[in-house]
Amino acid sequence: MHLVYLDDSGTDGNSSVALCGAVIVQPENFMLLENLHGSAMKVLPQEVWLNFQEFKGCELYQGIGAFKGVGEEERFKIIHTLLTAVMMEKLPFIYFAVDKQMLAKSPMGSANPLDVAFRMCALGIESWAQSMHDHAPGTIQLNFKDFFLCVMDDTDDKNLKQQLRSSYRNFRSKMQYNFSNPHNRLWHAHDDLYFGDSKESVGLQMADLCSYFVRRHLIGREDEQGFYKMFSAQVICAKTEPEWSIMKDMAKIHVPEPSR
């Protein structure tokens, strides 16, 4: 079973784009990722590691918040190590990014941009799982090795947490394997959406960093260090139909690097 770590970026009032992204980790990769993570975090002063409550990629990159006072060299080394793990293991990063202004002008203008991005991202993860094995177009064929469990970065916003869980459960029906159920969309998904602590989870920290750098790229703020380019070949925009045909005018789309 794959582990899918999800995080958001740009959901505050200062960003024009709200993004939900997911790093997919194969079980056999997890030990290596955790070891790399442990090595990266050793560069932090112990008091910083012990005192911060939530990992935020933007704070690590900018040297603010929990990482205020930590030198740029140390901070960038952590980012480079974590993104190297994503690159080396070729971990897929699936995302959907909503242009908030375009959404507000649409018939769905009252919707929460993060919930919209989360729904599309979840459908994109399922499309990825189905693409891992052959099946006839328009049919569903399950392969248990491609099942996934979703872990979302925790939030103190109880209403938002309930909304995300409700969206997940709308797509992932009970009596999951009743193929006549037209409402079920997440055929390879575990029975519920779980929430984890980003301070303790290497997967959530990687999802946070990837979400942050993809959103920066989408709004035209490239990083001089090339962090985004390290994993850009693995970035996949969720384009599941029929939702994509409805949502594409509200989406911010990543353009893959040309093959060399």
C-alpha atoms as a PDB file:
ATOM      1  CA  MET A   1       0.000   0.000   0.000  1.00  0.00           C
ATOM      2  CA  HIS A   2       1.318   3.424  -0.963  1.00  0.00           C
ATOM      3  CA  LEU A   3       1.502   6.261   1.550  1.00  0.00           C
ATOM      4  CA  VAL A   4       0.112   9.527   0.187  1.00  0.00           C
ATOM      5  CA  TYR A   5       1.095  12.675   2.087  1.00  0.00           C
ATOM      6  CA  LEU A   6      -0.948  15.799   1.335  1.00  0.00           C
ATOM      7  CA  ASP A   7      -0.438  19.439   2.167  1.00  0.00           C
ATOM      8  CA  ASP A   8      -1.734  22.793   1.004  1.00  0.00           C
ATOM      9  CA  SER A   9      -0.062  26.027   0.016  1.00  0.00           C
ATOM     10  CA  GLY A  10      -1.393  29.516  -0.534  1.00  0.00           C
ATOM     11  CA  THR A  11      -4.613  29.075   1.394  1.00  0.00           C
ATOM     12  CA  ASP A  12      -4.183  32.288   3.359  1.00  0.00           C
ATOM     13  CA  GLY A  13      -5.494  35.602   2.086  1.00  0.00           C
ATOM     14  CA  ASN A  14      -2.170  36.732   0.585  1.00  0.00           C
ATOM     15  CA  SER A  15      -1.893  34.292  -2.321  1.00  0.00           C
ATOM     16  CA  SER A  16      -3.783  34.349  -5.607  1.00  0.00           C
ATOM     17  CA  VAL A  17      -3.494  30.557  -5.851  1.00  0.00           C
ATOM     18  CA  ALA A  18      -4.626  27.800  -3.485  1.00  0.00           C
ATOM     19  CA  LEU A  19      -2.893  24.472  -4.035  1.00  0.00           C
ATOM     20  CA  CYS A  20      -3.280  20.982  -2.649  1.00  0.00           C
ATOM     21  CA  GLY A  21      -0.441  18.595  -3.421  1.00  0.00           C
ATOM     22  CA  ALA A  22       0.427  14.989  -2.642  1.00  0.00           C
ATOM     23  CA  VAL A  23       3.709  13.087  -2.502  1.00  0.00           C
ATOM     24  CA  ILE A  24       3.263   9.359  -3.143  1.00  0.00           C
ATOM     25  CA  VAL A  25       5.693   7.145  -1.245  1.00  0.00           C
ATOM     26  CA  GLN A  26       6.133   3.476  -2.046  1.00  0.00           C
ATOM     27  CA  PRO A  27       6.589   1.348   1.120  1.00  0.00           C
ATOM     28  CA  GLU A  28      10.029   0.143   0.073  1.00  0.00           C
ATOM     29  CA  ASN A  29      11.280   3.751  -0.137  1.00  0.00           C
ATOM     30  CA  PHE A  30      10.231   4.850   3.317  1.00  0.00           C
ATOM     31  CA  MET A  31      13.278   3.713   5.301  1.00  0.00           C
ATOM     32  CA  LEU A  32      15.675   5.550   2.984  1.00  0.00           C
ATOM     33  CA  LEU A  33      13.564   8.705   3.113  1.00  0.00           C
ATOM     34  CA  GLU A  34      13.458   8.679   6.896  1.00  0.00           C
ATOM     35  CA  ASN A  35      17.220   8.188   7.121  1.00  0.00           C
ATOM     36  CA  LEU A  36      17.843  11.094   4.737  1.00  0.00           C
ATOM     37  CA  HIS A  37      15.443  13.219   6.730  1.00  0.00           C
ATOM     38  CA  GLY A  38      17.282  12.425   9.967  1.00  0.00           C
ATOM     39  CA  SER A  39      20.594  13.377   8.394  1.00  0.00           C
ATOM     40  CA  ALA A  40      19.180  16.663   7.103  1.00  0.00           C
ATOM     41  CA  MET A  41      17.685  17.717  10.418  1.00  0.00           C
ATOM     42  CA  LYS A  42      20.968  17.237  12.263  1.00  0.00           C
ATOM     43  CA  VAL A  43      22.127  20.604  10.948  1.00  0.00           C
ATOM     44  CA  LEU A  44      19.454  22.372  13.038  1.00  0.00           C
ATOM     45  CA  PRO A  45      20.320  23.608  16.521  1.00  0.00           C
ATOM     46  CA  GLN A  46      18.637  21.301  19.013  1.00  0.00           C
ATOM     47  CA  GLU A  47      16.604  24.101  20.578  1.00  0.00           C
ATOM     48  CA  VAL A  48      15.048  24.911  17.191  1.00  0.00           C
ATOM     49  CA  TRP A  49      14.106  21.297  16.532  1.00  0.00           C
ATOM     50  CA  LEU A  50      12.595  20.890  19.998  1.00  0.00           C
ATOM     51  CA  ASN A  51      10.611  24.125  20.067  1.00  0.00           C
ATOM     52  CA  PHE A  52       8.868  24.435  16.720  1.00  0.00           C
ATOM     53  CA  GLN A  53       5.331  23.089  16.540  1.00  0.00           C
ATOM     54  CA  GLU A  54       4.624  22.889  12.814  1.00  0.00           C
ATOM     55  CA  PHE A  55       6.867  22.424   9.791  1.00  0.00           C
ATOM     56  CA  LYS A  56       6.332  25.075   7.121  1.00  0.00           C
ATOM     57  CA  GLY A  57       8.416  25.054   3.963  1.00  0.00           C
ATOM     58  CA  CYS A  58       7.979  28.792   3.472  1.00  0.00           C
ATOM     59  CA  GLU A  59       9.492  29.457   6.908  1.00  0.00           C
ATOM     60  CA  LEU A  60      12.392  27.122   6.230  1.00  0.00           C
ATOM     61  CA  TYR A  61      13.111  28.774   2.871  1.00  0.00           C
ATOM     62  CA  GLN A  62      12.777  32.356   4.098  1.00  0.00           C
ATOM     63  CA  GLY A  63      14.352  31.913   7.528  1.00  0.00           C
ATOM     64  CA  ILE A  64      11.323  33.165   9.437  1.00  0.00           C
ATOM     65  CA  GLY A  65       8.991  31.793  12.086  1.00  0.00           C
ATOM     66  CA  ALA A  66      10.314  28.585  13.605  1.00  0.00           C
ATOM     67  CA  PHE A  67      13.526  28.868  11.566  1.00  0.00           C
ATOM     68  CA  LYS A  68      14.325  32.472  12.381  1.00  0.00           C
ATOM     69  CA  GLY A  69      18.005  32.777  13.228  1.00  0.00           C
ATOM     70  CA  VAL A  70      19.004  29.585  11.396  1.00  0.00           C
ATOM     71  CA  GLY A  71      21.607  30.335   8.717  1.00  0.00           C
ATOM     72  CA  GLU A  72      20.748  30.186   5.045  1.00  0.00           C
ATOM     73  CA  GLU A  73      23.336  27.489   4.363  1.00  0.00           C
ATOM     74  CA  GLU A  74      21.831  25.186   6.987  1.00  0.00           C
ATOM     75  CA  ARG A  75      18.256  25.851   5.860  1.00  0.00           C
ATOM     76  CA  PHE A  76      19.015  25.272   2.184  1.00  0.00           C
ATOM     77  CA  LYS A  77      20.900  22.086   2.997  1.00  0.00           C
ATOM     78  CA  ILE A  78      17.756  20.677   4.625  1.00  0.00           C
ATOM     79  CA  ILE A  79      15.613  21.624   1.624  1.00  0.00           C
ATOM     80  CA  HIS A  80      18.131  20.180  -0.823  1.00  0.00           C
ATOM     81  CA  THR A  81      18.359  16.888   1.065  1.00  0.00           C
ATOM     82  CA  LEU A  82      14.592  16.406   1.297  1.00  0.00           C
ATOM     83  CA  LEU A  83      14.014  17.287  -2.352  1.00  0.00           C
ATOM     84  CA  THR A  84      16.928  15.057  -3.381  1.00  0.00           C
ATOM     85  CA  ALA A  85      15.018  12.184  -1.805  1.00  0.00           C
ATOM     86  CA  VAL A  86      11.938  13.055  -3.876  1.00  0.00           C
ATOM     87  CA  MET A  87      14.071  13.271  -7.024  1.00  0.00           C
ATOM     88  CA  MET A  88      16.192  10.140  -6.472  1.00  0.00           C
ATOM     89  CA  GLU A  89      13.233   7.906  -5.647  1.00  0.00           C
ATOM     90  CA  LYS A  90      11.142   9.466  -8.439  1.00  0.00           C
ATOM     91  CA  LEU A  91       8.235  10.077  -6.081  1.00  0.00           C
ATOM     92  CA  PRO A  92       5.187  11.402  -7.962  1.00  0.00           C
ATOM     93  CA  PHE A  93       3.859  14.771  -6.838  1.00  0.00           C
ATOM     94  CA  ILE A  94       0.213  15.196  -7.817  1.00  0.00           C
ATOM     95  CA  TYR A  95      -1.449  18.552  -7.342  1.00  0.00           C
ATOM     96  CA  PHE A  96      -4.294  20.812  -8.266  1.00  0.00           C
ATOM     97  CA  ALA A  97      -4.033  24.592  -7.985  1.00  0.00           C
ATOM     98  CA  VAL A  98      -7.017  26.932  -8.045  1.00  0.00           C
ATOM     99  CA  ASP A  99      -6.878  30.517  -9.253  1.00  0.00           C
ATOM    100  CA  LYS A 100      -8.896  32.113  -6.452  1.00  0.00           C
ATOM    101  CA  GLN A 101     -10.069  35.036  -8.554  1.00  0.00           C
ATOM    102  CA  MET A 102     -11.297  32.828 -11.375  1.00  0.00           C
ATOM    103  CA  LEU A 103     -13.063  30.548  -8.904  1.00  0.00           C
ATOM    104  CA  ALA A 104     -14.762  33.514  -7.252  1.00  0.00           C
ATOM    105  CA  LYS A 105     -16.166  34.596 -10.627  1.00  0.00           C
ATOM    106  CA  SER A 106     -17.507  31.132 -11.434  1.00  0.00           C
ATOM    107  CA  PRO A 107     -20.854  29.547 -10.472  1.00  0.00           C
ATOM    108  CA  MET A 108     -18.864  27.782  -7.700  1.00  0.00           C
ATOM    109  CA  GLY A 109     -17.602  31.086  -6.338  1.00  0.00           C
ATOM    110  CA  SER A 110     -18.692  30.388  -2.766  1.00  0.00           C
ATOM    111  CA  ALA A 111     -16.675  27.147  -2.568  1.00  0.00           C
ATOM    112  CA  ASN A 112     -13.594  26.874  -0.361  1.00  0.00           C
ATOM    113  CA  PRO A 113     -10.608  26.978  -2.773  1.00  0.00           C
ATOM    114  CA  LEU A 114      -8.678  24.414  -0.716  1.00  0.00           C
ATOM    115  CA  ASP A 115     -11.591  21.980  -0.725  1.00  0.00           C
ATOM    116  CA  VAL A 116     -11.864  22.333  -4.517  1.00  0.00           C
ATOM    117  CA  ALA A 117      -8.119  21.726  -4.887  1.00  0.00           C
ATOM    118  CA  PHE A 118      -8.255  18.790  -2.468  1.00  0.00           C
ATOM    119  CA  ARG A 119     -11.081  17.089  -4.369  1.00  0.00           C
ATOM    120  CA  MET A 120      -9.267  17.369  -7.683  1.00  0.00           C
ATOM    121  CA  CYS A 121      -5.998  16.226  -6.113  1.00  0.00           C
ATOM    122  CA  ALA A 122      -7.693  13.151  -4.611  1.00  0.00           C
ATOM    123  CA  LEU A 123      -9.155  12.229  -7.992  1.00  0.00           C
ATOM    124  CA  GLY A 124      -5.723  12.719  -9.537  1.00  0.00           C
ATOM    125  CA  ILE A 125      -4.193  10.286  -7.045  1.00  0.00           C
ATOM    126  CA  GLU A 126      -6.798   7.685  -7.997  1.00  0.00           C
ATOM    127  CA  SER A 127      -6.076   8.268 -11.701  1.00  0.00           C
ATOM    128  CA  TRP A 128      -2.388   7.695 -10.979  1.00  0.00           C
ATOM    129  CA  ALA A 129      -3.175   4.445  -9.134  1.00  0.00           C
ATOM    130  CA  GLN A 130      -5.254   3.170 -12.042  1.00  0.00           C
ATOM    131  CA  SER A 131      -2.534   4.107 -14.520  1.00  0.00           C
ATOM    132  CA  MET A 132      -0.137   1.721 -12.768  1.00  0.00           C
ATOM    133  CA  HIS A 133      -1.837  -1.304 -14.333  1.00  0.00           C
ATOM    134  CA  ASP A 134      -3.589  -2.042 -17.608  1.00  0.00           C
ATOM    135  CA  HIS A 135      -7.349  -1.988 -17.913  1.00  0.00           C
ATOM    136  CA  ALA A 136      -9.809  -1.323 -20.691  1.00  0.00           C
ATOM    137  CA  PRO A 137     -10.896   2.323 -21.073  1.00  0.00           C
ATOM    138  CA  GLY A 138     -13.988   3.092 -19.032  1.00  0.00           C
ATOM    139  CA  THR A 139     -13.560   0.072 -16.760  1.00  0.00           C
ATOM    140  CA  ILE A 140     -12.286  -0.347 -13.222  1.00  0.00           C
ATOM    141  CA  GLN A 141      -9.693  -2.972 -12.377  1.00  0.00           C
ATOM    142  CA  LEU A 142      -8.276  -3.124  -8.884  1.00  0.00           C
ATOM    143  CA  ASN A 143      -4.697  -3.992  -8.090  1.00  0.00           C
ATOM    144  CA  PHE A 144      -4.062  -4.255  -4.364  1.00  0.00           C
ATOM    145  CA  LYS A 145      -0.406  -3.214  -4.639  1.00  0.00           C
ATOM    146  CA  ASP A 146      -1.581   0.196  -5.864  1.00  0.00           C
ATOM    147  CA  PHE A 147      -3.887   0.887  -2.916  1.00  0.00           C
ATOM    148  CA  PHE A 148      -3.085   4.075  -1.014  1.00  0.00           C
ATOM    149  CA  LEU A 149      -3.629   5.639   2.403  1.00  0.00           C
ATOM    150  CA  CYS A 150      -3.993   9.422   2.547  1.00  0.00           C
ATOM    151  CA  VAL A 151      -2.422  11.464   5.344  1.00  0.00           C
ATOM    152  CA  MET A 152      -3.164  15.202   5.397  1.00  0.00           C
ATOM    153  CA  ASP A 153      -1.235  17.813   7.349  1.00  0.00           C
ATOM    154  CA  ASP A 154      -3.268  18.472  10.486  1.00  0.00           C
ATOM    155  CA  THR A 155      -5.105  21.714  11.106  1.00  0.00           C
ATOM    156  CA  ASP A 156      -6.664  23.395  14.131  1.00  0.00           C
ATOM    157  CA  ASP A 157      -9.566  24.502  11.929  1.00  0.00           C
ATOM    158  CA  LYS A 158     -12.204  21.921  12.893  1.00  0.00           C
ATOM    159  CA  ASN A 159     -14.645  23.079  10.230  1.00  0.00           C
ATOM    160  CA  LEU A 160     -12.027  22.729   7.498  1.00  0.00           C
ATOM    161  CA  LYS A 161     -11.006  19.292   8.747  1.00  0.00           C
ATOM    162  CA  GLN A 162     -14.615  18.143   8.678  1.00  0.00           C
ATOM    163  CA  GLN A 163     -15.093  19.590   5.201  1.00  0.00           C
ATOM    164  CA  LEU A 164     -12.058  17.737   3.837  1.00  0.00           C
ATOM    165  CA  ARG A 165     -13.160  14.476   5.458  1.00  0.00           C
ATOM    166  CA  SER A 166     -16.646  14.937   4.035  1.00  0.00           C
ATOM    167  CA  SER A 167     -15.240  15.509   0.542  1.00  0.00           C
ATOM    168  CA  TYR A 168     -13.095  12.384   0.847  1.00  0.00           C
ATOM    169  CA  ARG A 169     -16.044  10.302   2.006  1.00  0.00           C
ATOM    170  CA  ASN A 170     -18.209  11.611  -0.824  1.00  0.00           C
ATOM    171  CA  PHE A 171     -15.703  10.151  -3.281  1.00  0.00           C
ATOM    172  CA  ARG A 172     -14.813   7.034  -1.290  1.00  0.00           C
ATOM    173  CA  SER A 173     -18.112   5.287  -0.573  1.00  0.00           C
ATOM    174  CA  LYS A 174     -18.802   2.711   2.068  1.00  0.00           C
ATOM    175  CA  MET A 175     -19.308  -0.737   0.565  1.00  0.00           C
ATOM    176  CA  GLN A 176     -16.268   0.280  -1.477  1.00  0.00           C
ATOM    177  CA  TYR A 177     -16.168  -2.664  -3.828  1.00  0.00           C
ATOM    178  CA  ASN A 178     -19.725  -2.500  -5.087  1.00  0.00           C
ATOM    179  CA  PHE A 179     -18.877  -1.772  -8.710  1.00  0.00           C
ATOM    180  CA  SER A 180     -22.447  -0.760  -9.482  1.00  0.00           C
ATOM    181  CA  ASN A 181     -22.115   2.280  -7.187  1.00  0.00           C
ATOM    182  CA  PRO A 182     -21.796   5.280  -9.539  1.00  0.00           C
ATOM    183  CA  HIS A 183     -20.757   7.637  -6.737  1.00  0.00           C
ATOM    184  CA  ASN A 184     -17.579   5.838  -5.768  1.00  0.00           C
ATOM    185  CA  ARG A 185     -14.512   7.462  -7.311  1.00  0.00           C
ATOM    186  CA  LEU A 186     -11.571   6.487  -5.090  1.00  0.00           C
ATOM    187  CA  TRP A 187     -11.344   2.771  -5.811  1.00  0.00           C
ATOM    188  CA  HIS A 188      -7.792   2.346  -4.524  1.00  0.00           C
ATOM    189  CA  ALA A 189      -8.180   4.532  -1.428  1.00  0.00           C
ATOM    190  CA  HIS A 190      -8.087   3.426   2.197  1.00  0.00           C
ATOM    191  CA  ASP A 191     -11.317   3.762   4.167  1.00  0.00           C
ATOM    192  CA  ASP A 192     -10.705   7.257   5.575  1.00  0.00           C
ATOM    193  CA  LEU A 193      -8.618  10.420   5.382  1.00  0.00           C
ATOM    194  CA  TYR A 194      -6.130  10.696   8.233  1.00  0.00           C
ATOM    195  CA  PHE A 195      -4.394  13.750   9.687  1.00  0.00           C
ATOM    196  CA  GLY A 196      -0.774  13.818  10.847  1.00  0.00           C
ATOM    197  CA  ASP A 197       1.675  16.086  12.609  1.00  0.00           C
ATOM    198  CA  SER A 198       4.088  17.733  10.181  1.00  0.00           C
ATOM    199  CA  LYS A 199       6.667  18.134  12.937  1.00  0.00           C
ATOM    200  CA  GLU A 200       7.027  14.358  13.167  1.00  0.00           C
ATOM    201  CA  SER A 201       6.357  13.225   9.597  1.00  0.00           C
ATOM    202  CA  VAL A 202       9.012  13.219   6.885  1.00  0.00           C
ATOM    203  CA  GLY A 203       6.292  12.576   4.292  1.00  0.00           C
ATOM    204  CA  LEU A 204       4.290  15.641   5.291  1.00  0.00           C
ATOM    205  CA  GLN A 205       7.423  17.769   5.311  1.00  0.00           C
ATOM    206  CA  MET A 206       8.271  16.685   1.769  1.00  0.00           C
ATOM    207  CA  ALA A 207       4.677  17.367   0.686  1.00  0.00           C
ATOM    208  CA  ASP A 208       4.876  20.814   2.278  1.00  0.00           C
ATOM    209  CA  LEU A 209       8.117  21.696   0.497  1.00  0.00           C
ATOM    210  CA  CYS A 210       6.919  20.402  -2.884  1.00  0.00           C
ATOM    211  CA  SER A 211       3.595  22.242  -2.551  1.00  0.00           C
ATOM    212  CA  TYR A 212       5.387  25.452  -1.642  1.00  0.00           C
ATOM    213  CA  PHE A 213       7.840  25.399  -4.542  1.00  0.00           C
ATOM    214  CA  VAL A 214       5.220  24.331  -7.101  1.00  0.00           C
ATOM    215  CA  ARG A 215       2.937  27.183  -6.044  1.00  0.00           C
ATOM    216  CA  ARG A 216       5.837  29.638  -6.282  1.00  0.00           C
ATOM    217  CA  HIS A 217       6.519  28.375  -9.795  1.00  0.00           C
ATOM    218  CA  LEU A 218       2.863  28.729 -10.807  1.00  0.00           C
ATOM    219  CA  ILE A 219       2.746  32.379  -9.741  1.00  0.00           C
ATOM    220  CA  GLY A 220       6.053  33.148 -11.452  1.00  0.00           C
ATOM    221  CA  ARG A 221       8.324  33.315  -8.397  1.00  0.00           C
ATOM    222  CA  GLU A 222      11.161  30.984  -9.317  1.00  0.00           C
ATOM    223  CA  ASP A 223      13.779  30.211  -6.690  1.00  0.00           C
ATOM    224  CA  GLU A 224      17.375  31.010  -7.629  1.00  0.00           C
ATOM    225  CA  GLN A 225      18.620  27.807  -6.002  1.00  0.00           C
ATOM    226  CA  GLY A 226      16.763  25.585  -8.480  1.00  0.00           C
ATOM    227  CA  PHE A 227      14.781  23.709  -5.833  1.00  0.00           C
ATOM    228  CA  TYR A 228      11.671  23.491  -7.999  1.00  0.00           C
ATOM    229  CA  LYS A 229      13.626  22.129 -10.956  1.00  0.00           C
ATOM    230  CA  MET A 230      14.997  19.306  -8.796  1.00  0.00           C
ATOM    231  CA  PHE A 231      11.642  17.499  -8.857  1.00  0.00           C
ATOM    232  CA  SER A 232       9.717  19.251 -11.651  1.00  0.00           C
ATOM    233  CA  ALA A 233       9.812  16.155 -13.884  1.00  0.00           C
ATOM    234  CA  GLN A 234       7.652  14.335 -11.334  1.00  0.00           C
ATOM    235  CA  VAL A 235       4.994  17.046 -10.989  1.00  0.00           C
ATOM    236  CA  ILE A 236       1.570  15.966 -12.281  1.00  0.00           C
ATOM    237  CA  CYS A 237      -1.488  18.206 -12.509  1.00  0.00           C
ATOM    238  CA  ALA A 238      -4.707  16.300 -11.711  1.00  0.00           C
ATOM    239  CA  LYS A 239      -6.878  16.322 -14.829  1.00  0.00           C
ATOM    240  CA  THR A 240      -9.522  13.703 -14.059  1.00  0.00           C
ATOM    241  CA  GLU A 241     -12.637  13.920 -16.199  1.00  0.00           C
ATOM    242  CA  PRO A 242     -15.360  15.098 -16.235  1.00  0.00           C
ATOM    243  CA  GLU A 243     -14.192  17.538 -13.543  1.00  0.00           C
ATOM    244  CA  TRP A 244     -11.188  18.757 -15.528  1.00  0.00           C
ATOM    245  CA  SER A 245     -13.343  20.072 -18.382  1.00  0.00           C
ATOM    246  CA  ILE A 246     -15.290  22.106 -15.828  1.00  0.00           C
ATOM    247  CA  MET A 247     -12.328  23.268 -13.771  1.00  0.00           C
ATOM    248  CA  LYS A 248      -9.533  23.839 -16.295  1.00  0.00           C
ATOM    249  CA  ASP A 249     -10.248  27.552 -16.739  1.00  0.00           C
ATOM    250  CA  MET A 250      -9.821  28.005 -12.976  1.00  0.00           C
ATOM    251  CA  ALA A 251      -6.636  25.944 -12.737  1.00  0.00           C
ATOM    252  CA  LYS A 252      -3.011  27.002 -12.604  1.00  0.00           C
ATOM    253  CA  ILE A 253      -1.051  24.483 -14.644  1.00  0.00           C
ATOM    254  CA  HIS A 254       2.542  23.302 -14.311  1.00  0.00           C
ATOM    255  CA  VAL A 255       4.414  22.953 -17.602  1.00  0.00           C
ATOM    256  CA  PRO A 256       6.959  20.083 -17.437  1.00  0.00           C
ATOM    257  CA  GLU A 257      10.570  20.742 -18.314  1.00  0.00           C
ATOM    258  CA  PRO A 258      11.397  19.680 -21.897  1.00  0.00           C
ATOM    259  CA  SER A 259      13.173  16.342 -22.231  1.00  0.00           C
ATOM    260  CA  ARG A 260      16.917  16.514 -22.755  1.00  0.00           C
END
